Amino acid sequence: MSLAVNSPEFNNEVEVLVQRFPSLEESVLREILEKNNGHSGKTTRQIFKEYSEDPVVEESKREFEMKF
């Protein structure tokens, strides 16, 4: 499902990403989410890949992998 940019649902996903990845700028998270058509799973995987050297992202990835 694609989310319309700046829709309430899209903005809610941005807020979730901001909480999950506080070391990254909201504008960066918003841009990645937009490139992934509002798909939070694809966005999360892209963040894990592109920002793997960021300690906060690395910790979030470890927590994610433990859950799933």
N, C-alpha and C. Protein backbone atom coordinates (compact mmCIF):
# COMPACT_ATOMS: atom_id res chain seq x y z
N MET A 1 0.85 -1.18 0.00
CA MET A 1 0.00 0.00 0.00
C MET A 1 0.89 1.24 0.00
N SER A 2 0.62 2.14 -0.91
CA SER A 2 1.35 3.41 -0.95
C SER A 2 0.62 4.45 -0.13
N LEU A 3 1.39 5.22 0.59
CA LEU A 3 0.81 6.31 1.39
C LEU A 3 1.06 7.62 0.67
N ALA A 4 0.06 8.46 0.64
CA ALA A 4 0.22 9.79 0.05
C ALA A 4 1.13 10.63 0.94
N VAL A 5 2.11 11.27 0.32
CA VAL A 5 3.05 12.11 1.06
C VAL A 5 2.27 13.19 1.81
N ASN A 6 2.64 13.38 3.06
CA ASN A 6 2.03 14.36 3.96
C ASN A 6 0.61 14.03 4.38
N SER A 7 0.15 12.82 4.06
CA SER A 7 -1.15 12.39 4.59
C SER A 7 -0.96 12.10 6.07
N PRO A 8 -2.03 12.05 6.84
CA PRO A 8 -1.88 11.73 8.26
C PRO A 8 -1.17 10.39 8.49
N GLU A 9 -1.47 9.41 7.65
CA GLU A 9 -0.84 8.09 7.79
C GLU A 9 0.66 8.16 7.51
N PHE A 10 1.03 8.90 6.47
CA PHE A 10 2.43 9.08 6.12
C PHE A 10 3.16 9.77 7.27
N ASN A 11 2.58 10.84 7.77
CA ASN A 11 3.19 11.58 8.87
C ASN A 11 3.31 10.73 10.13
N ASN A 12 2.34 9.83 10.36
CA ASN A 12 2.43 8.91 11.50
C ASN A 12 3.62 7.97 11.34
N GLU A 13 3.82 7.48 10.12
CA GLU A 13 4.97 6.60 9.85
C GLU A 13 6.28 7.35 10.06
N VAL A 14 6.33 8.61 9.65
CA VAL A 14 7.53 9.42 9.87
C VAL A 14 7.81 9.52 11.37
N GLU A 15 6.78 9.76 12.16
CA GLU A 15 6.96 9.87 13.62
C GLU A 15 7.49 8.57 14.22
N VAL A 16 7.00 7.44 13.73
CA VAL A 16 7.51 6.15 14.21
C VAL A 16 8.99 6.01 13.88
N LEU A 17 9.36 6.41 12.66
CA LEU A 17 10.77 6.34 12.25
C LEU A 17 11.64 7.29 13.07
N VAL A 18 11.13 8.46 13.37
CA VAL A 18 11.88 9.43 14.19
C VAL A 18 12.14 8.84 15.57
N GLN A 19 11.17 8.16 16.13
CA GLN A 19 11.36 7.55 17.45
C GLN A 19 12.33 6.38 17.38
N ARG A 20 12.26 5.61 16.30
CA ARG A 20 13.12 4.44 16.14
C ARG A 20 14.57 4.83 15.83
N PHE A 21 14.73 5.93 15.07
CA PHE A 21 16.06 6.35 14.62
C PHE A 21 16.29 7.82 14.98
N PRO A 22 16.40 8.13 16.27
CA PRO A 22 16.52 9.53 16.69
C PRO A 22 17.82 10.20 16.26
N SER A 23 18.79 9.43 15.85
CA SER A 23 20.06 10.01 15.42
C SER A 23 20.02 10.53 13.98
N LEU A 24 18.94 10.19 13.25
CA LEU A 24 18.80 10.64 11.87
C LEU A 24 17.82 11.81 11.80
N GLU A 25 18.08 12.72 10.91
CA GLU A 25 17.21 13.89 10.72
C GLU A 25 15.84 13.46 10.19
N GLU A 26 14.82 14.12 10.67
CA GLU A 26 13.47 13.82 10.20
C GLU A 26 13.37 13.96 8.69
N SER A 27 14.01 14.98 8.12
CA SER A 27 13.94 15.19 6.68
C SER A 27 14.53 14.00 5.91
N VAL A 28 15.58 13.40 6.45
CA VAL A 28 16.19 12.22 5.82
C VAL A 28 15.21 11.04 5.87
N LEU A 29 14.62 10.83 7.03
CA LEU A 29 13.66 9.74 7.19
C LEU A 29 12.45 9.94 6.28
N ARG A 30 11.97 11.16 6.21
CA ARG A 30 10.83 11.49 5.35
C ARG A 30 11.16 11.20 3.89
N GLU A 31 12.36 11.57 3.47
CA GLU A 31 12.77 11.37 2.07
C GLU A 31 12.88 9.87 1.74
N ILE A 32 13.46 9.10 2.65
CA ILE A 32 13.58 7.66 2.41
C ILE A 32 12.20 7.01 2.38
N LEU A 33 11.32 7.41 3.28
CA LEU A 33 9.96 6.87 3.29
C LEU A 33 9.24 7.21 2.00
N GLU A 34 9.42 8.42 1.53
CA GLU A 34 8.79 8.84 0.28
C GLU A 34 9.31 8.01 -0.89
N LYS A 35 10.62 7.78 -0.94
CA LYS A 35 11.21 6.97 -2.02
C LYS A 35 10.68 5.54 -2.00
N ASN A 36 10.28 5.08 -0.82
CA ASN A 36 9.75 3.73 -0.67
C ASN A 36 8.22 3.71 -0.67
N ASN A 37 7.62 4.77 -1.21
CA ASN A 37 6.16 4.86 -1.35
C ASN A 37 5.41 4.66 -0.04
N GLY A 38 6.02 5.13 1.04
CA GLY A 38 5.34 5.05 2.33
C GLY A 38 5.41 3.70 3.00
N HIS A 39 6.19 2.78 2.43
CA HIS A 39 6.30 1.43 2.99
C HIS A 39 7.34 1.42 4.10
N SER A 40 6.89 1.30 5.34
CA SER A 40 7.80 1.42 6.47
C SER A 40 8.80 0.26 6.55
N GLY A 41 8.41 -0.93 6.15
CA GLY A 41 9.33 -2.06 6.18
C GLY A 41 10.50 -1.88 5.23
N LYS A 42 10.19 -1.47 4.00
CA LYS A 42 11.25 -1.22 3.02
C LYS A 42 12.13 -0.06 3.47
N THR A 43 11.51 0.94 4.05
CA THR A 43 12.26 2.10 4.55
C THR A 43 13.21 1.68 5.66
N THR A 44 12.73 0.87 6.58
CA THR A 44 13.56 0.40 7.68
C THR A 44 14.74 -0.40 7.16
N ARG A 45 14.50 -1.30 6.21
CA ARG A 45 15.59 -2.10 5.65
C ARG A 45 16.62 -1.20 4.96
N GLN A 46 16.15 -0.18 4.24
CA GLN A 46 17.07 0.74 3.58
C GLN A 46 17.91 1.51 4.60
N ILE A 47 17.28 1.95 5.68
CA ILE A 47 18.01 2.66 6.74
C ILE A 47 19.05 1.74 7.35
N PHE A 48 18.68 0.49 7.64
CA PHE A 48 19.64 -0.46 8.19
C PHE A 48 20.84 -0.61 7.27
N LYS A 49 20.60 -0.64 5.98
CA LYS A 49 21.67 -0.83 5.00
C LYS A 49 22.53 0.43 4.85
N GLU A 50 21.90 1.57 4.67
CA GLU A 50 22.62 2.81 4.36
C GLU A 50 23.28 3.45 5.57
N TYR A 51 22.75 3.22 6.74
CA TYR A 51 23.26 3.87 7.95
C TYR A 51 23.76 2.85 8.97
N SER A 52 24.28 1.74 8.48
CA SER A 52 24.68 0.63 9.35
C SER A 52 25.80 1.01 10.33
N GLU A 53 26.54 2.05 10.02
CA GLU A 53 27.63 2.46 10.91
C GLU A 53 27.18 3.39 12.03
N ASP A 54 25.94 3.83 11.98
CA ASP A 54 25.38 4.67 13.03
C ASP A 54 25.04 3.76 14.23
N PRO A 55 25.56 4.05 15.42
CA PRO A 55 25.32 3.19 16.59
C PRO A 55 23.84 3.01 16.92
N VAL A 56 23.04 4.05 16.76
CA VAL A 56 21.60 3.95 17.07
C VAL A 56 20.92 3.03 16.07
N VAL A 57 21.27 3.15 14.81
CA VAL A 57 20.70 2.29 13.77
C VAL A 57 21.13 0.85 14.01
N GLU A 58 22.39 0.67 14.35
CA GLU A 58 22.91 -0.67 14.61
C GLU A 58 22.15 -1.33 15.77
N GLU A 59 21.91 -0.58 16.84
CA GLU A 59 21.17 -1.11 17.98
C GLU A 59 19.73 -1.43 17.60
N SER A 60 19.11 -0.56 16.83
CA SER A 60 17.74 -0.79 16.38
C SER A 60 17.66 -2.05 15.53
N LYS A 61 18.65 -2.25 14.69
CA LYS A 61 18.68 -3.46 13.85
C LYS A 61 18.79 -4.71 14.71
N ARG A 62 19.66 -4.67 15.73
CA ARG A 62 19.80 -5.82 16.64
C ARG A 62 18.46 -6.13 17.32
N GLU A 63 17.79 -5.10 17.82
CA GLU A 63 16.50 -5.29 18.48
C GLU A 63 15.47 -5.84 17.51
N PHE A 64 15.47 -5.33 16.28
CA PHE A 64 14.55 -5.79 15.25
C PHE A 64 14.78 -7.27 14.96
N GLU A 65 16.04 -7.66 14.79
CA GLU A 65 16.36 -9.04 14.48
C GLU A 65 16.00 -9.98 15.61
N MET A 66 16.08 -9.52 16.84
CA MET A 66 15.70 -10.36 17.98
C MET A 66 14.19 -10.61 18.00
N LYS A 67 13.41 -9.63 17.56
CA LYS A 67 11.96 -9.77 17.55
C LYS A 67 11.50 -10.70 16.42
N PHE A 68 12.19 -10.61 15.30
CA PHE A 68 11.74 -11.36 14.12
C PHE A 68 12.80 -12.34 13.74
